[in-house]
């Protein structure tokens, strides 16, 4: 099952990459590099390029959901880093951007750190865990705090947020979305045959709220930064949040994990995070925006 899950997650990453690039270019053309407004978002709903990107993102999401039902969050989530490489190559050719050395190094750090994390996680995570109602409630309560925080920022501090702030918010929110998606999928597949009756209303409400607000943050990040930076944030911050929840609340790690493995996983995560930070500061598109005062 883990091998099939990894394969589906890899295919989902390909759809995610092309979908992000299509949507990113459509948002950039629509906003001219300025913050995304409500009217601007409404215009995007009639933009064929943006809608095609949405379709690709939807396909990638479905594949990722299936992968999450077959393997643990800790294994599936970091695989999305593959999308970063694809997005960077596609976007650089589409926009005529020449990648500099710091950007290439940052992307390498993101992908290498994520890949190393997966290799370690495969051997220390437990499959077929049953998520208890108390665990699901804990996730929902934490998500409620995150939605309140980032929702307040979106309402009161929208004009002050930069691309990295939007990426951080989107990554955190979609990390929770991944956890709740896995929770809901497990409940729907419960052999008792109750399907949606197994899922509490507050779980569904939390899932929809996080997905909606996270999507707004993603579109706003597209308006203020390159799509590969957006993908870098989502494929590093999102998995870290999801994995942290999987480890601390869902108990996905096997007991008695060796210290060397634990330190290796932490080190790999830090390498990937540093890659995102470097990318947010040295990407050619970011440097161009700084020179232009955007």
Protein backbone atom coordinates (compact mmCIF):
# COMPACT_ATOMS: atom_id res chain seq x y z
CA UNK A 1 0.00 0.00 0.00
CA UNK A 2 2.72 2.57 0.80
CA UNK A 3 4.21 2.11 -2.69
CA UNK A 4 0.84 2.71 -4.38
CA UNK A 5 0.22 5.71 -2.13
CA UNK A 6 3.59 7.21 -3.03
CA UNK A 7 2.91 6.66 -6.75
CA UNK A 8 -0.46 8.39 -6.54
CA UNK A 9 1.04 11.24 -4.53
CA UNK A 10 3.75 11.71 -7.17
CA UNK A 11 1.15 11.83 -9.95
CA UNK A 12 -0.88 14.26 -7.87
CA UNK A 13 2.20 16.46 -7.52
CA UNK A 14 2.46 16.69 -11.31
CA UNK A 15 -1.14 17.90 -11.59
CA UNK A 16 -0.54 20.28 -8.70
CA UNK A 17 2.51 21.78 -10.38
CA UNK A 18 0.86 22.51 -13.73
CA UNK A 19 -2.33 23.68 -12.03
CA UNK A 20 -0.41 26.13 -9.84
CA UNK A 21 1.50 27.53 -12.79
CA UNK A 22 -1.67 28.07 -14.81
CA UNK A 23 -3.49 29.72 -11.94
CA UNK A 24 -0.47 31.78 -10.91
CA UNK A 25 -0.03 33.29 -14.35
CA UNK A 26 -3.76 34.00 -14.61
CA UNK A 27 -3.85 35.77 -11.24
CA UNK A 28 -0.72 37.76 -12.07
CA UNK A 29 -2.26 38.98 -15.35
CA UNK A 30 -5.50 39.81 -13.57
CA UNK A 31 -4.00 41.81 -10.70
CA UNK A 32 -0.84 43.24 -12.24
CA UNK A 33 1.12 42.18 -9.15
CA UNK A 34 -1.22 43.98 -6.72
CA UNK A 35 -3.23 42.42 -3.91
CA UNK A 36 -6.17 40.29 -4.97
CA UNK A 37 -9.55 41.96 -4.41
CA UNK A 38 -13.00 40.40 -4.22
CA UNK A 39 -13.91 41.78 -7.64
CA UNK A 40 -10.61 40.50 -9.02
CA UNK A 41 -11.38 37.02 -7.73
CA UNK A 42 -14.83 37.16 -9.33
CA UNK A 43 -13.22 37.94 -12.72
CA UNK A 44 -10.98 34.91 -12.32
CA UNK A 45 -14.05 32.68 -12.28
CA UNK A 46 -14.50 33.48 -15.99
CA UNK A 47 -10.82 33.10 -16.91
CA UNK A 48 -10.24 29.87 -18.93
CA UNK A 49 -6.58 29.61 -17.89
CA UNK A 50 -7.46 29.95 -14.21
CA UNK A 51 -10.32 27.44 -14.54
CA UNK A 52 -8.04 24.92 -16.27
CA UNK A 53 -5.57 25.35 -13.43
CA UNK A 54 -8.42 24.74 -10.98
CA UNK A 55 -9.30 21.51 -12.78
CA UNK A 56 -5.69 20.32 -12.58
CA UNK A 57 -5.48 21.23 -8.91
CA UNK A 58 -8.71 19.35 -8.29
CA UNK A 59 -7.35 16.24 -10.01
CA UNK A 60 -4.16 16.45 -7.99
CA UNK A 61 -6.15 16.84 -4.79
CA UNK A 62 -8.26 13.75 -5.52
CA UNK A 63 -5.12 11.69 -6.12
CA UNK A 64 -3.61 12.98 -2.89
CA UNK A 65 -6.76 12.14 -0.95
CA UNK A 66 -6.65 8.57 -2.26
CA UNK A 67 -2.97 8.37 -1.29
CA UNK A 68 -3.83 9.57 2.22
CA UNK A 69 -6.33 6.73 2.61
CA UNK A 70 -3.60 4.20 1.73
CA UNK A 71 -0.71 5.50 3.82
CA UNK A 72 0.07 7.81 6.72
CA UNK A 73 0.27 11.60 6.53
CA UNK A 74 3.95 11.42 7.40
CA UNK A 75 4.70 9.44 4.23
CA UNK A 76 2.33 11.09 1.74
CA UNK A 77 2.52 14.79 2.54
CA UNK A 78 6.23 15.56 1.85
CA UNK A 79 6.06 14.00 -1.63
CA UNK A 80 4.42 17.16 -2.92
CA UNK A 81 7.87 18.77 -3.02
CA UNK A 82 8.28 17.17 -6.44
CA UNK A 83 5.75 19.72 -7.68
CA UNK A 84 8.22 22.47 -6.82
CA UNK A 85 10.75 21.35 -9.42
CA UNK A 86 8.12 21.00 -12.13
CA UNK A 87 6.52 24.35 -11.32
CA UNK A 88 9.88 26.14 -11.32
CA UNK A 89 10.87 24.77 -14.72
CA UNK A 90 7.47 25.42 -16.32
CA UNK A 91 7.14 28.92 -14.87
CA UNK A 92 10.69 29.98 -15.76
CA UNK A 93 10.08 29.02 -19.40
CA UNK A 94 6.62 30.60 -19.47
CA UNK A 95 7.81 33.91 -17.97
CA UNK A 96 11.29 33.92 -19.55
CA UNK A 97 12.99 33.91 -16.13
CA UNK A 98 16.63 32.91 -15.78
CA UNK A 99 17.12 31.09 -12.47
CA UNK A 100 20.01 32.25 -10.29
CA UNK A 101 22.23 30.03 -8.14
CA UNK A 102 20.53 30.78 -4.80
CA UNK A 103 17.19 29.80 -6.33
CA UNK A 104 18.52 26.52 -7.67
CA UNK A 105 20.17 25.80 -4.33
CA UNK A 106 16.97 26.60 -2.44
CA UNK A 107 14.90 24.31 -4.64
CA UNK A 108 17.47 21.55 -4.22
CA UNK A 109 17.29 21.98 -0.44
CA UNK A 110 13.49 21.80 -0.45
CA UNK A 111 13.34 18.64 -2.54
CA UNK A 112 16.31 16.91 -0.90
CA UNK A 113 15.06 17.63 2.60
CA UNK A 114 11.55 16.41 1.78
CA UNK A 115 12.80 13.27 0.00
CA UNK A 116 15.11 12.35 2.88
CA UNK A 117 12.24 12.87 5.30
CA UNK A 118 10.05 10.45 3.33
CA UNK A 119 12.77 7.78 3.22
CA UNK A 120 13.06 7.94 7.00
CA UNK A 121 9.33 8.22 7.66
CA UNK A 122 8.39 5.12 5.62
CA UNK A 123 10.18 2.90 8.13
CA UNK A 124 8.90 4.45 11.36
CA UNK A 125 5.21 5.19 10.77
CA UNK A 126 2.25 2.98 11.53
CA UNK A 127 -0.48 2.20 8.98
CA UNK A 128 -4.22 1.66 9.38
CA UNK A 129 -4.56 3.75 12.52
CA UNK A 130 -8.06 4.42 13.82
CA UNK A 131 -8.64 8.08 14.57
CA UNK A 132 -10.60 8.47 17.78
CA UNK A 133 -13.34 11.13 18.18
CA UNK A 134 -11.29 12.86 20.89
CA UNK A 135 -8.33 13.15 18.49
CA UNK A 136 -10.53 14.56 15.73
CA UNK A 137 -11.99 17.10 18.16
CA UNK A 138 -8.49 18.20 19.21
CA UNK A 139 -7.57 18.81 15.57
CA UNK A 140 -10.77 20.80 14.98
CA UNK A 141 -10.16 23.00 18.04
CA UNK A 142 -6.60 23.76 16.93
CA UNK A 143 -7.87 24.51 13.45
CA UNK A 144 -10.47 26.87 14.90
CA UNK A 145 -7.68 28.88 16.48
CA UNK A 146 -5.72 28.92 13.19
CA UNK A 147 -8.77 30.02 11.16
CA UNK A 148 -9.47 32.81 13.67
CA UNK A 149 -5.87 34.04 13.53
CA UNK A 150 -5.39 33.98 9.78
CA UNK A 151 -8.95 35.09 9.09
CA UNK A 152 -8.33 38.19 11.22
CA UNK A 153 -5.13 38.88 9.30
CA UNK A 154 -6.98 38.53 6.00
CA UNK A 155 -9.64 41.03 7.09
CA UNK A 156 -7.65 43.61 9.03
CA UNK A 157 -4.10 43.31 7.69
CA UNK A 158 -4.60 42.36 4.06
CA UNK A 159 -2.73 45.35 2.65
CA UNK A 160 0.29 44.69 4.85
CA UNK A 161 0.77 41.00 4.08
CA UNK A 162 3.48 39.92 1.64
CA UNK A 163 3.76 36.73 -0.40
CA UNK A 164 5.55 34.80 2.36
CA UNK A 165 2.84 35.69 4.91
CA UNK A 166 0.17 34.42 2.53
CA UNK A 167 2.21 31.28 1.89
CA UNK A 168 2.64 30.67 5.62
CA UNK A 169 -1.09 31.01 6.22
CA UNK A 170 -1.98 28.76 3.31
CA UNK A 171 0.55 26.13 4.38
CA UNK A 172 -0.75 25.99 7.94
CA UNK A 173 -4.40 25.85 6.89
CA UNK A 174 -3.87 23.19 4.24
CA UNK A 175 -1.82 21.16 6.71
CA UNK A 176 -4.99 20.94 8.80
CA UNK A 177 -7.03 20.23 5.67
CA UNK A 178 -4.83 17.21 4.94
CA UNK A 179 -5.34 15.86 8.46
CA UNK A 180 -9.11 16.36 8.39
CA UNK A 181 -9.33 14.90 4.88
CA UNK A 182 -7.61 11.76 6.09
CA UNK A 183 -9.94 11.71 9.11
CA UNK A 184 -13.10 12.08 7.02
CA UNK A 185 -11.90 9.52 4.44
CA UNK A 186 -11.27 6.98 7.18
CA UNK A 187 -14.72 7.54 8.66
CA UNK A 188 -16.44 7.26 5.28
CA UNK A 189 -14.71 3.91 4.64
CA UNK A 190 -15.63 2.53 8.07
CA UNK A 191 -17.08 -1.00 7.61
CA UNK A 192 -20.14 -0.11 9.71
CA UNK A 193 -21.71 1.27 6.49
CA UNK A 194 -22.85 4.57 8.04
CA UNK A 195 -20.71 6.69 5.65
CA UNK A 196 -21.43 10.41 6.26
CA UNK A 197 -23.24 9.59 9.51
CA UNK A 198 -19.83 8.72 10.94
CA UNK A 199 -18.60 12.27 10.35
CA UNK A 200 -19.50 14.94 12.89
CA UNK A 201 -20.87 18.26 11.54
CA UNK A 202 -18.14 20.28 13.24
CA UNK A 203 -15.48 18.28 11.39
CA UNK A 204 -17.07 19.03 8.01
CA UNK A 205 -17.53 22.71 8.89
CA UNK A 206 -13.90 22.99 9.98
CA UNK A 207 -12.71 21.27 6.82
CA UNK A 208 -14.70 23.57 4.53
CA UNK A 209 -13.68 26.71 6.44
CA UNK A 210 -9.98 25.81 6.34
CA UNK A 211 -10.08 24.90 2.64
CA UNK A 212 -11.93 28.13 1.73
CA UNK A 213 -9.65 30.45 3.70
CA UNK A 214 -6.54 28.54 2.61
CA UNK A 215 -7.61 28.88 -1.03
CA UNK A 216 -7.98 32.66 -0.61
CA UNK A 217 -4.47 32.82 0.84
CA UNK A 218 -3.10 30.79 -2.08
CA UNK A 219 -4.70 33.06 -4.68
CA UNK A 220 -3.43 36.14 -2.82
CA UNK A 221 0.06 34.62 -2.75
CA UNK A 222 -0.10 34.12 -6.52
CA UNK A 223 -0.87 37.82 -6.87
CA UNK A 224 2.17 38.88 -4.83
CA UNK A 225 4.78 36.22 -5.65
CA UNK A 226 5.88 33.60 -8.21
CA UNK A 227 3.94 30.29 -8.34
CA UNK A 228 7.05 28.23 -7.55
CA UNK A 229 7.48 30.16 -4.29
CA UNK A 230 3.84 29.42 -3.49
CA UNK A 231 4.35 25.73 -4.21
CA UNK A 232 7.57 25.72 -2.15
CA UNK A 233 5.68 27.03 0.85
CA UNK A 234 2.78 24.63 0.44
CA UNK A 235 4.98 21.56 -0.08
CA UNK A 236 7.10 22.31 2.99
CA UNK A 237 4.92 24.17 5.50
CA UNK A 238 1.81 22.12 4.73
CA UNK A 239 3.55 18.75 5.32
CA UNK A 240 5.33 19.97 8.45
CA UNK A 241 2.02 21.04 10.00
CA UNK A 242 0.30 17.83 8.91
CA UNK A 243 3.14 15.65 10.13
CA UNK A 244 3.37 17.48 13.46
CA UNK A 245 -0.33 16.80 14.01
CA UNK A 246 0.06 13.21 12.86
CA UNK A 247 2.86 12.63 15.34
CA UNK A 248 1.57 14.57 18.36
CA UNK A 249 -2.19 13.95 18.11
CA UNK A 250 -2.78 10.95 15.84
CA UNK A 251 0.19 8.92 17.17
CA UNK A 252 1.42 7.89 13.73
CA UNK A 253 4.99 7.16 14.78
CA UNK A 254 5.99 3.66 15.88
CA UNK A 255 7.10 3.32 19.49
CA UNK A 256 10.80 3.38 20.31
CA UNK A 257 12.00 5.28 17.23
CA UNK A 258 15.80 5.51 17.26
CA UNK A 259 17.29 8.85 18.18
CA UNK A 260 19.35 8.95 14.97
CA UNK A 261 16.20 8.56 12.89
CA UNK A 262 14.35 11.25 14.85
CA UNK A 263 17.25 13.69 14.52
CA UNK A 264 17.53 12.83 10.82
CA UNK A 265 13.85 13.67 10.27
CA UNK A 266 14.20 16.96 12.15
CA UNK A 267 17.35 17.82 10.19
CA UNK A 268 15.69 17.03 6.87
CA UNK A 269 12.71 19.24 7.76
CA UNK A 270 15.02 22.11 8.70
CA UNK A 271 16.88 21.82 5.39
CA UNK A 272 13.58 22.07 3.50
CA UNK A 273 12.44 25.06 5.58
CA UNK A 274 15.70 26.91 4.98
CA UNK A 275 15.18 26.26 1.27
CA UNK A 276 11.80 28.02 1.37
CA UNK A 277 13.25 31.01 3.24
CA UNK A 278 16.12 31.37 0.76
CA UNK A 279 13.72 31.04 -2.15
CA UNK A 280 11.47 33.77 -0.72
CA UNK A 281 14.41 36.16 -0.62
CA UNK A 282 16.46 35.35 -3.72
CA UNK A 283 14.00 34.18 -6.39
CA UNK A 284 14.51 36.33 -9.55
CA UNK A 285 10.85 37.34 -9.56
CA UNK A 286 11.07 38.45 -5.91
CA UNK A 287 14.23 40.48 -6.60
CA UNK A 288 12.56 42.09 -9.61
CA UNK A 289 9.57 43.10 -7.50
CA UNK A 290 11.87 44.62 -4.89
CA UNK A 291 13.67 46.67 -7.53
CA UNK A 292 10.35 47.87 -8.92
CA UNK A 293 9.04 48.65 -5.47
CA UNK A 294 6.09 46.25 -5.78
